[in-house]
Amino acid sequence: MSGFADYEAMAMLEFSRTERDVIKARFYEVVAGFSALDAYDTSGVELLVSVSDAQSVLREDISAVLFSRAELLSNAPEHNDEYFQVPATID
């Protein structure tokens, strides 16, 4: 696959020729905006890995039972003895 029409088909979208031209022009504007950043000397700037000051936001994954099934189902407007019951979303 190559070209805009191939990606358009993969995304299951349809654009008129005019819409494609507008999208393409805006894309090049965005790329040009990022390319303009190359004009700045960032050699002395430390690489930013995270915007958070936290050293590690990861934690150990510990399995635990916090609530019984009966406790959880007691808060549901509709349920049977095992599952939440919700309206059908697919015909």
PDB file of N, CA and C in Angstrom:
ATOM      1  N   MET A   1       0.837  -1.194   0.000  1.00  0.00           N
ATOM      2  CA  MET A   1       0.000   0.000   0.000  1.00  0.00           C
ATOM      3  C   MET A   1       0.872   1.244   0.000  1.00  0.00           C
ATOM      4  N   SER A   2       0.438   2.206  -0.729  1.00  0.00           N
ATOM      5  CA  SER A   2       1.165   3.465  -0.703  1.00  0.00           C
ATOM      6  C   SER A   2       0.216   4.569  -1.101  1.00  0.00           C
ATOM      7  N   GLY A   3       0.361   5.693  -0.461  1.00  0.00           N
ATOM      8  CA  GLY A   3      -0.459   6.836  -0.800  1.00  0.00           C
ATOM      9  C   GLY A   3      -1.596   7.051   0.179  1.00  0.00           C
ATOM     10  N   PHE A   4      -2.128   8.254   0.116  1.00  0.00           N
ATOM     11  CA  PHE A   4      -3.174   8.679   1.040  1.00  0.00           C
ATOM     12  C   PHE A   4      -4.414   7.807   0.921  1.00  0.00           C
ATOM     13  N   ALA A   5      -4.801   7.439  -0.297  1.00  0.00           N
ATOM     14  CA  ALA A   5      -6.021   6.667  -0.512  1.00  0.00           C
ATOM     15  C   ALA A   5      -5.950   5.313   0.186  1.00  0.00           C
ATOM     16  N   ASP A   6      -4.756   4.718   0.256  1.00  0.00           N
ATOM     17  CA  ASP A   6      -4.608   3.430   0.926  1.00  0.00           C
ATOM     18  C   ASP A   6      -4.863   3.551   2.422  1.00  0.00           C
ATOM     19  N   TYR A   7      -4.329   4.600   3.030  1.00  0.00           N
ATOM     20  CA  TYR A   7      -4.559   4.823   4.464  1.00  0.00           C
ATOM     21  C   TYR A   7      -6.009   5.185   4.716  1.00  0.00           C
ATOM     22  N   GLU A   8      -6.587   5.910   3.798  1.00  0.00           N
ATOM     23  CA  GLU A   8      -7.989   6.288   3.896  1.00  0.00           C
ATOM     24  C   GLU A   8      -8.858   5.029   3.907  1.00  0.00           C
ATOM     25  N   ALA A   9      -8.536   4.077   3.045  1.00  0.00           N
ATOM     26  CA  ALA A   9      -9.289   2.825   2.972  1.00  0.00           C
ATOM     27  C   ALA A   9      -9.096   1.998   4.238  1.00  0.00           C
ATOM     28  N   MET A  10      -7.856   1.950   4.741  1.00  0.00           N
ATOM     29  CA  MET A  10      -7.597   1.181   5.961  1.00  0.00           C
ATOM     30  C   MET A  10      -8.368   1.758   7.139  1.00  0.00           C
ATOM     31  N   ALA A  11      -8.505   3.063   7.194  1.00  0.00           N
ATOM     32  CA  ALA A  11      -9.213   3.716   8.289  1.00  0.00           C
ATOM     33  C   ALA A  11     -10.721   3.733   8.047  1.00  0.00           C
ATOM     34  N   MET A  12     -11.142   3.240   6.892  1.00  0.00           N
ATOM     35  CA  MET A  12     -12.549   3.192   6.513  1.00  0.00           C
ATOM     36  C   MET A  12     -13.154   4.599   6.487  1.00  0.00           C
ATOM     37  N   LEU A  13     -12.393   5.542   5.950  1.00  0.00           N
ATOM     38  CA  LEU A  13     -12.838   6.920   5.820  1.00  0.00           C
ATOM     39  C   LEU A  13     -12.926   7.281   4.350  1.00  0.00           C
ATOM     40  N   GLU A  14     -13.767   8.237   4.045  1.00  0.00           N
ATOM     41  CA  GLU A  14     -13.857   8.724   2.681  1.00  0.00           C
ATOM     42  C   GLU A  14     -13.753  10.241   2.697  1.00  0.00           C
ATOM     43  N   PHE A  15     -12.865  10.773   1.849  1.00  0.00           N
ATOM     44  CA  PHE A  15     -12.681  12.213   1.734  1.00  0.00           C
ATOM     45  C   PHE A  15     -12.785  12.611   0.273  1.00  0.00           C
ATOM     46  N   SER A  16     -13.342  13.773   0.055  1.00  0.00           N
ATOM     47  CA  SER A  16     -13.356  14.311  -1.303  1.00  0.00           C
ATOM     48  C   SER A  16     -11.940  14.765  -1.655  1.00  0.00           C
ATOM     49  N   ARG A  17     -11.698  15.036  -2.910  1.00  0.00           N
ATOM     50  CA  ARG A  17     -10.380  15.508  -3.347  1.00  0.00           C
ATOM     51  C   ARG A  17     -10.017  16.806  -2.635  1.00  0.00           C
ATOM     52  N   THR A  18     -10.986  17.693  -2.478  1.00  0.00           N
ATOM     53  CA  THR A  18     -10.748  18.971  -1.791  1.00  0.00           C
ATOM     54  C   THR A  18     -10.378  18.735  -0.332  1.00  0.00           C
ATOM     55  N   GLU A  19     -11.109  17.832   0.331  1.00  0.00           N
ATOM     56  CA  GLU A  19     -10.807  17.527   1.737  1.00  0.00           C
ATOM     57  C   GLU A  19      -9.408  16.930   1.867  1.00  0.00           C
ATOM     58  N   ARG A  20      -9.037  16.064   0.954  1.00  0.00           N
ATOM     59  CA  ARG A  20      -7.688  15.477   0.982  1.00  0.00           C
ATOM     60  C   ARG A  20      -6.622  16.555   0.856  1.00  0.00           C
ATOM     61  N   ASP A  21      -6.854  17.498  -0.046  1.00  0.00           N
ATOM     62  CA  ASP A  21      -5.880  18.579  -0.245  1.00  0.00           C
ATOM     63  C   ASP A  21      -5.730  19.427   1.017  1.00  0.00           C
ATOM     64  N   VAL A  22      -6.860  19.698   1.704  1.00  0.00           N
ATOM     65  CA  VAL A  22      -6.819  20.482   2.945  1.00  0.00           C
ATOM     66  C   VAL A  22      -6.071  19.712   4.030  1.00  0.00           C
ATOM     67  N   ILE A  23      -6.374  18.427   4.171  1.00  0.00           N
ATOM     68  CA  ILE A  23      -5.704  17.596   5.182  1.00  0.00           C
ATOM     69  C   ILE A  23      -4.205  17.545   4.910  1.00  0.00           C
ATOM     70  N   LYS A  24      -3.845  17.357   3.648  1.00  0.00           N
ATOM     71  CA  LYS A  24      -2.428  17.285   3.275  1.00  0.00           C
ATOM     72  C   LYS A  24      -1.718  18.600   3.578  1.00  0.00           C
ATOM     73  N   ALA A  25      -2.350  19.719   3.251  1.00  0.00           N
ATOM     74  CA  ALA A  25      -1.744  21.030   3.514  1.00  0.00           C
ATOM     75  C   ALA A  25      -1.560  21.256   5.003  1.00  0.00           C
ATOM     76  N   ARG A  26      -2.555  20.896   5.794  1.00  0.00           N
ATOM     77  CA  ARG A  26      -2.445  21.072   7.251  1.00  0.00           C
ATOM     78  C   ARG A  26      -1.377  20.168   7.840  1.00  0.00           C
ATOM     79  N   PHE A  27      -1.271  18.961   7.307  1.00  0.00           N
ATOM     80  CA  PHE A  27      -0.224  18.040   7.773  1.00  0.00           C
ATOM     81  C   PHE A  27       1.160  18.652   7.541  1.00  0.00           C
ATOM     82  N   TYR A  28       1.376  19.195   6.343  1.00  0.00           N
ATOM     83  CA  TYR A  28       2.669  19.805   6.042  1.00  0.00           C
ATOM     84  C   TYR A  28       2.928  21.029   6.912  1.00  0.00           C
ATOM     85  N   GLU A  29       1.876  21.757   7.285  1.00  0.00           N
ATOM     86  CA  GLU A  29       2.043  22.895   8.197  1.00  0.00           C
ATOM     87  C   GLU A  29       2.527  22.415   9.562  1.00  0.00           C
ATOM     88  N   VAL A  30       1.954  21.320  10.045  1.00  0.00           N
ATOM     89  CA  VAL A  30       2.359  20.764  11.342  1.00  0.00           C
ATOM     90  C   VAL A  30       3.814  20.304  11.282  1.00  0.00           C
ATOM     91  N   VAL A  31       4.165  19.587  10.227  1.00  0.00           N
ATOM     92  CA  VAL A  31       5.542  19.108  10.075  1.00  0.00           C
ATOM     93  C   VAL A  31       6.507  20.287  10.002  1.00  0.00           C
ATOM     94  N   ALA A  32       6.127  21.318   9.272  1.00  0.00           N
ATOM     95  CA  ALA A  32       6.982  22.504   9.165  1.00  0.00           C
ATOM     96  C   ALA A  32       7.151  23.169  10.527  1.00  0.00           C
ATOM     97  N   GLY A  33       6.095  23.184  11.326  1.00  0.00           N
ATOM     98  CA  GLY A  33       6.174  23.759  12.671  1.00  0.00           C
ATOM     99  C   GLY A  33       7.169  23.011  13.539  1.00  0.00           C
ATOM    100  N   PHE A  34       7.152  21.685  13.464  1.00  0.00           N
ATOM    101  CA  PHE A  34       8.111  20.901  14.229  1.00  0.00           C
ATOM    102  C   PHE A  34       9.515  21.061  13.669  1.00  0.00           C
ATOM    103  N   SER A  35       9.629  21.157  12.369  1.00  0.00           N
ATOM    104  CA  SER A  35      10.945  21.343  11.744  1.00  0.00           C
ATOM    105  C   SER A  35      11.573  22.660  12.171  1.00  0.00           C
ATOM    106  N   ALA A  36      10.742  23.657  12.453  1.00  0.00           N
ATOM    107  CA  ALA A  36      11.254  24.960  12.893  1.00  0.00           C
ATOM    108  C   ALA A  36      11.984  24.842  14.226  1.00  0.00           C
ATOM    109  N   LEU A  37      11.668  23.821  15.007  1.00  0.00           N
ATOM    110  CA  LEU A  37      12.339  23.626  16.296  1.00  0.00           C
ATOM    111  C   LEU A  37      13.809  23.268  16.116  1.00  0.00           C
ATOM    112  N   ASP A  38      14.165  22.751  14.942  1.00  0.00           N
ATOM    113  CA  ASP A  38      15.565  22.411  14.665  1.00  0.00           C
ATOM    114  C   ASP A  38      16.466  23.640  14.702  1.00  0.00           C
ATOM    115  N   ALA A  39      15.900  24.815  14.574  1.00  0.00           N
ATOM    116  CA  ALA A  39      16.696  26.053  14.569  1.00  0.00           C
ATOM    117  C   ALA A  39      17.233  26.393  15.961  1.00  0.00           C
ATOM    118  N   TYR A  40      16.695  25.781  16.992  1.00  0.00           N
ATOM    119  CA  TYR A  40      17.115  26.083  18.365  1.00  0.00           C
ATOM    120  C   TYR A  40      18.216  25.146  18.809  1.00  0.00           C
ATOM    121  N   ASP A  41      19.209  25.699  19.502  1.00  0.00           N
ATOM    122  CA  ASP A  41      20.305  24.911  20.050  1.00  0.00           C
ATOM    123  C   ASP A  41      19.856  24.318  21.380  1.00  0.00           C
ATOM    124  N   THR A  42      19.685  23.023  21.417  1.00  0.00           N
ATOM    125  CA  THR A  42      19.251  22.348  22.639  1.00  0.00           C
ATOM    126  C   THR A  42      20.349  21.447  23.200  1.00  0.00           C
ATOM    127  N   SER A  43      21.581  21.679  22.780  1.00  0.00           N
ATOM    128  CA  SER A  43      22.676  20.807  23.204  1.00  0.00           C
ATOM    129  C   SER A  43      22.888  20.838  24.721  1.00  0.00           C
ATOM    130  N   GLY A  44      22.581  21.939  25.390  1.00  0.00           N
ATOM    131  CA  GLY A  44      22.775  22.018  26.834  1.00  0.00           C
ATOM    132  C   GLY A  44      21.520  21.721  27.638  1.00  0.00           C
ATOM    133  N   VAL A  45      20.467  21.297  26.976  1.00  0.00           N
ATOM    134  CA  VAL A  45      19.196  21.037  27.658  1.00  0.00           C
ATOM    135  C   VAL A  45      19.120  19.569  28.038  1.00  0.00           C
ATOM    136  N   GLU A  46      18.818  19.334  29.317  1.00  0.00           N
ATOM    137  CA  GLU A  46      18.708  17.964  29.796  1.00  0.00           C
ATOM    138  C   GLU A  46      17.444  17.321  29.233  1.00  0.00           C
ATOM    139  N   LEU A  47      17.542  16.073  28.835  1.00  0.00           N
ATOM    140  CA  LEU A  47      16.424  15.327  28.279  1.00  0.00           C
ATOM    141  C   LEU A  47      15.331  15.157  29.326  1.00  0.00           C
ATOM    142  N   LEU A  48      14.104  15.462  28.973  1.00  0.00           N
ATOM    143  CA  LEU A  48      12.973  15.305  29.880  1.00  0.00           C
ATOM    144  C   LEU A  48      12.332  13.952  29.625  1.00  0.00           C
ATOM    145  N   VAL A  49      12.381  13.101  30.619  1.00  0.00           N
ATOM    146  CA  VAL A  49      11.823  11.766  30.488  1.00  0.00           C
ATOM    147  C   VAL A  49      10.397  11.727  31.011  1.00  0.00           C
ATOM    148  N   SER A  50      10.109  12.517  32.035  1.00  0.00           N
ATOM    149  CA  SER A  50       8.780  12.541  32.641  1.00  0.00           C
ATOM    150  C   SER A  50       8.505  13.939  33.174  1.00  0.00           C
ATOM    151  N   VAL A  51       7.271  14.358  33.112  1.00  0.00           N
ATOM    152  CA  VAL A  51       6.913  15.661  33.656  1.00  0.00           C
ATOM    153  C   VAL A  51       6.613  15.569  35.146  1.00  0.00           C
ATOM    154  N   SER A  52       6.606  14.367  35.671  1.00  0.00           N
ATOM    155  CA  SER A  52       6.340  14.149  37.086  1.00  0.00           C
ATOM    156  C   SER A  52       7.649  14.139  37.868  1.00  0.00           C
ATOM    157  N   ASP A  53       7.611  14.655  39.089  1.00  0.00           N
ATOM    158  CA  ASP A  53       8.791  14.623  39.950  1.00  0.00           C
ATOM    159  C   ASP A  53       8.974  13.270  40.634  1.00  0.00           C
ATOM    160  N   ALA A  54       7.991  12.410  40.516  1.00  0.00           N
ATOM    161  CA  ALA A  54       8.064  11.108  41.173  1.00  0.00           C
ATOM    162  C   ALA A  54       9.198  10.290  40.586  1.00  0.00           C
ATOM    163  N   GLN A  55       9.935   9.612  41.438  1.00  0.00           N
ATOM    164  CA  GLN A  55      11.037   8.780  40.978  1.00  0.00           C
ATOM    165  C   GLN A  55      10.525   7.553  40.238  1.00  0.00           C
ATOM    166  N   SER A  56       9.501   6.917  40.772  1.00  0.00           N
ATOM    167  CA  SER A  56       8.932   5.734  40.135  1.00  0.00           C
ATOM    168  C   SER A  56       7.426   5.734  40.376  1.00  0.00           C
ATOM    169  N   VAL A  57       6.686   5.690  39.311  1.00  0.00           N
ATOM    170  CA  VAL A  57       5.231   5.644  39.459  1.00  0.00           C
ATOM    171  C   VAL A  57       4.731   4.212  39.369  1.00  0.00           C
ATOM    172  N   LEU A  58       5.648   3.274  39.211  1.00  0.00           N
ATOM    173  CA  LEU A  58       5.263   1.874  39.124  1.00  0.00           C
ATOM    174  C   LEU A  58       5.202   1.267  40.519  1.00  0.00           C
ATOM    175  N   ARG A  59       4.319   0.338  40.677  1.00  0.00           N
ATOM    176  CA  ARG A  59       4.217  -0.363  41.946  1.00  0.00           C
ATOM    177  C   ARG A  59       4.118  -1.849  41.666  1.00  0.00           C
ATOM    178  N   GLU A  60       4.367  -2.633  42.679  1.00  0.00           N
ATOM    179  CA  GLU A  60       4.245  -4.069  42.527  1.00  0.00           C
ATOM    180  C   GLU A  60       2.776  -4.425  42.337  1.00  0.00           C
ATOM    181  N   ASP A  61       2.500  -5.309  41.414  1.00  0.00           N
ATOM    182  CA  ASP A  61       1.129  -5.736  41.139  1.00  0.00           C
ATOM    183  C   ASP A  61       0.777  -6.852  42.108  1.00  0.00           C
ATOM    184  N   ILE A  62      -0.076  -6.541  43.065  1.00  0.00           N
ATOM    185  CA  ILE A  62      -0.439  -7.498  44.101  1.00  0.00           C
ATOM    186  C   ILE A  62      -1.905  -7.864  43.935  1.00  0.00           C
ATOM    187  N   SER A  63      -2.185  -9.139  43.840  1.00  0.00           N
ATOM    188  CA  SER A  63      -3.553  -9.624  43.704  1.00  0.00           C
ATOM    189  C   SER A  63      -4.195  -9.674  45.087  1.00  0.00           C
ATOM    190  N   ALA A  64      -5.395  -9.108  45.197  1.00  0.00           N
ATOM    191  CA  ALA A  64      -6.091  -9.122  46.479  1.00  0.00           C
ATOM    192  C   ALA A  64      -7.590  -9.054  46.235  1.00  0.00           C
ATOM    193  N   VAL A  65      -8.347  -9.676  47.101  1.00  0.00           N
ATOM    194  CA  VAL A  65      -9.803  -9.615  47.031  1.00  0.00           C
ATOM    195  C   VAL A  65     -10.241  -8.496  47.973  1.00  0.00           C
ATOM    196  N   LEU A  66     -10.758  -7.417  47.409  1.00  0.00           N
ATOM    197  CA  LEU A  66     -11.153  -6.272  48.221  1.00  0.00           C
ATOM    198  C   LEU A  66     -12.627  -6.309  48.600  1.00  0.00           C
ATOM    199  N   PHE A  67     -13.441  -6.879  47.719  1.00  0.00           N
ATOM    200  CA  PHE A  67     -14.882  -6.944  47.964  1.00  0.00           C
ATOM    201  C   PHE A  67     -15.385  -8.312  47.532  1.00  0.00           C
ATOM    202  N   SER A  68     -16.401  -8.773  48.201  1.00  0.00           N
ATOM    203  CA  SER A  68     -17.004 -10.038  47.785  1.00  0.00           C
ATOM    204  C   SER A  68     -17.924  -9.775  46.602  1.00  0.00           C
ATOM    205  N   ARG A  69     -18.241 -10.821  45.875  1.00  0.00           N
ATOM    206  CA  ARG A  69     -19.152 -10.694  44.738  1.00  0.00           C
ATOM    207  C   ARG A  69     -20.504 -10.160  45.212  1.00  0.00           C
ATOM    208  N   ALA A  70     -20.976 -10.632  46.331  1.00  0.00           N
ATOM    209  CA  ALA A  70     -22.271 -10.185  46.862  1.00  0.00           C
ATOM    210  C   ALA A  70     -22.249  -8.690  47.173  1.00  0.00           C
ATOM    211  N   GLU A  71     -21.137  -8.193  47.735  1.00  0.00           N
ATOM    212  CA  GLU A  71     -21.027  -6.760  48.034  1.00  0.00           C
ATOM    213  C   GLU A  71     -21.079  -5.928  46.761  1.00  0.00           C
ATOM    214  N   LEU A  72     -20.365  -6.348  45.744  1.00  0.00           N
ATOM    215  CA  LEU A  72     -20.354  -5.612  44.486  1.00  0.00           C
ATOM    216  C   LEU A  72     -21.718  -5.647  43.811  1.00  0.00           C
ATOM    217  N   LEU A  73     -22.341  -6.819  43.757  1.00  0.00           N
ATOM    218  CA  LEU A  73     -23.635  -6.937  43.100  1.00  0.00           C
ATOM    219  C   LEU A  73     -24.738  -6.197  43.856  1.00  0.00           C
ATOM    220  N   SER A  74     -24.555  -5.990  45.137  1.00  0.00           N
ATOM    221  CA  SER A  74     -25.584  -5.294  45.918  1.00  0.00           C
ATOM    222  C   SER A  74     -25.730  -3.834  45.487  1.00  0.00           C
ATOM    223  N   ASN A  75     -24.711  -3.283  44.821  1.00  0.00           N
ATOM    224  CA  ASN A  75     -24.769  -1.901  44.346  1.00  0.00           C
ATOM    225  C   ASN A  75     -25.318  -1.774  42.930  1.00  0.00           C
ATOM    226  N   ALA A  76     -25.516  -2.888  42.252  1.00  0.00           N
ATOM    227  CA  ALA A  76     -25.969  -2.860  40.861  1.00  0.00           C
ATOM    228  C   ALA A  76     -27.492  -2.770  40.796  1.00  0.00           C
ATOM    229  N   PRO A  77     -28.030  -1.913  39.921  1.00  0.00           N
ATOM    230  CA  PRO A  77     -29.483  -1.805  39.794  1.00  0.00           C
ATOM    231  C   PRO A  77     -30.108  -3.106  39.299  1.00  0.00           C
ATOM    232  N   GLU A  78     -29.396  -3.822  38.406  1.00  0.00           N
ATOM    233  CA  GLU A  78     -29.896  -5.105  37.916  1.00  0.00           C
ATOM    234  C   GLU A  78     -28.754  -6.108  37.899  1.00  0.00           C
ATOM    235  N   HIS A  79     -29.036  -7.299  38.404  1.00  0.00           N
ATOM    236  CA  HIS A  79     -28.023  -8.349  38.403  1.00  0.00           C
ATOM    237  C   HIS A  79     -28.689  -9.681  38.648  1.00  0.00           C
ATOM    238  N   ASN A  80     -27.974 -10.761  38.316  1.00  0.00           N
ATOM    239  CA  ASN A  80     -28.404 -12.078  38.753  1.00  0.00           C
ATOM    240  C   ASN A  80     -27.431 -12.473  39.858  1.00  0.00           C
ATOM    241  N   ASP A  81     -27.343 -13.708  40.197  1.00  0.00           N
ATOM    242  CA  ASP A  81     -26.465 -14.087  41.307  1.00  0.00           C
ATOM    243  C   ASP A  81     -24.980 -14.019  40.977  1.00  0.00           C
ATOM    244  N   GLU A  82     -24.638 -13.864  39.674  1.00  0.00           N
ATOM    245  CA  GLU A  82     -23.237 -13.874  39.298  1.00  0.00           C
ATOM    246  C   GLU A  82     -22.754 -12.633  38.570  1.00  0.00           C
ATOM    247  N   TYR A  83     -23.631 -11.981  37.783  1.00  0.00           N
ATOM    248  CA  TYR A  83     -23.173 -10.932  36.878  1.00  0.00           C
ATOM    249  C   TYR A  83     -24.034  -9.676  36.959  1.00  0.00           C
ATOM    250  N   PHE A  84     -23.428  -8.546  36.580  1.00  0.00           N
ATOM    251  CA  PHE A  84     -24.193  -7.319  36.359  1.00  0.00           C
ATOM    252  C   PHE A  84     -25.028  -7.540  35.112  1.00  0.00           C
ATOM    253  N   GLN A  85     -26.237  -7.022  35.085  1.00  0.00           N
ATOM    254  CA  GLN A  85     -27.060  -7.098  33.881  1.00  0.00           C
ATOM    255  C   GLN A  85     -27.196  -5.697  33.323  1.00  0.00           C
ATOM    256  N   VAL A  86     -26.863  -5.555  32.042  1.00  0.00           N
ATOM    257  CA  VAL A  86     -26.910  -4.266  31.378  1.00  0.00           C
ATOM    258  C   VAL A  86     -27.710  -4.406  30.096  1.00  0.00           C
ATOM    259  N   PRO A  87     -28.233  -3.288  29.571  1.00  0.00           N
ATOM    260  CA  PRO A  87     -28.971  -3.359  28.313  1.00  0.00           C
ATOM    261  C   PRO A  87     -28.061  -3.843  27.178  1.00  0.00           C
ATOM    262  N   ALA A  88     -28.637  -4.557  26.237  1.00  0.00           N
ATOM    263  CA  ALA A  88     -27.887  -5.044  25.087  1.00  0.00           C
ATOM    264  C   ALA A  88     -27.379  -3.855  24.265  1.00  0.00           C
ATOM    265  N   THR A  89     -26.138  -3.959  23.794  1.00  0.00           N
ATOM    266  CA  THR A  89     -25.578  -2.878  22.985  1.00  0.00           C
ATOM    267  C   THR A  89     -25.359  -3.310  21.545  1.00  0.00           C
ATOM    268  N   ILE A  90     -25.495  -4.598  21.257  1.00  0.00           N
ATOM    269  CA  ILE A  90     -25.317  -5.115  19.905  1.00  0.00           C
ATOM    270  C   ILE A  90     -26.574  -5.880  19.524  1.00  0.00           C
ATOM    271  N   ASP A  91     -27.092  -5.570  18.344  1.00  0.00           N
ATOM    272  CA  ASP A  91     -28.280  -6.292  17.870  1.00  0.00           C
ATOM    273  C   ASP A  91     -27.908  -7.613  17.280  1.00  0.00           C
TER     274      ASP A  91
END
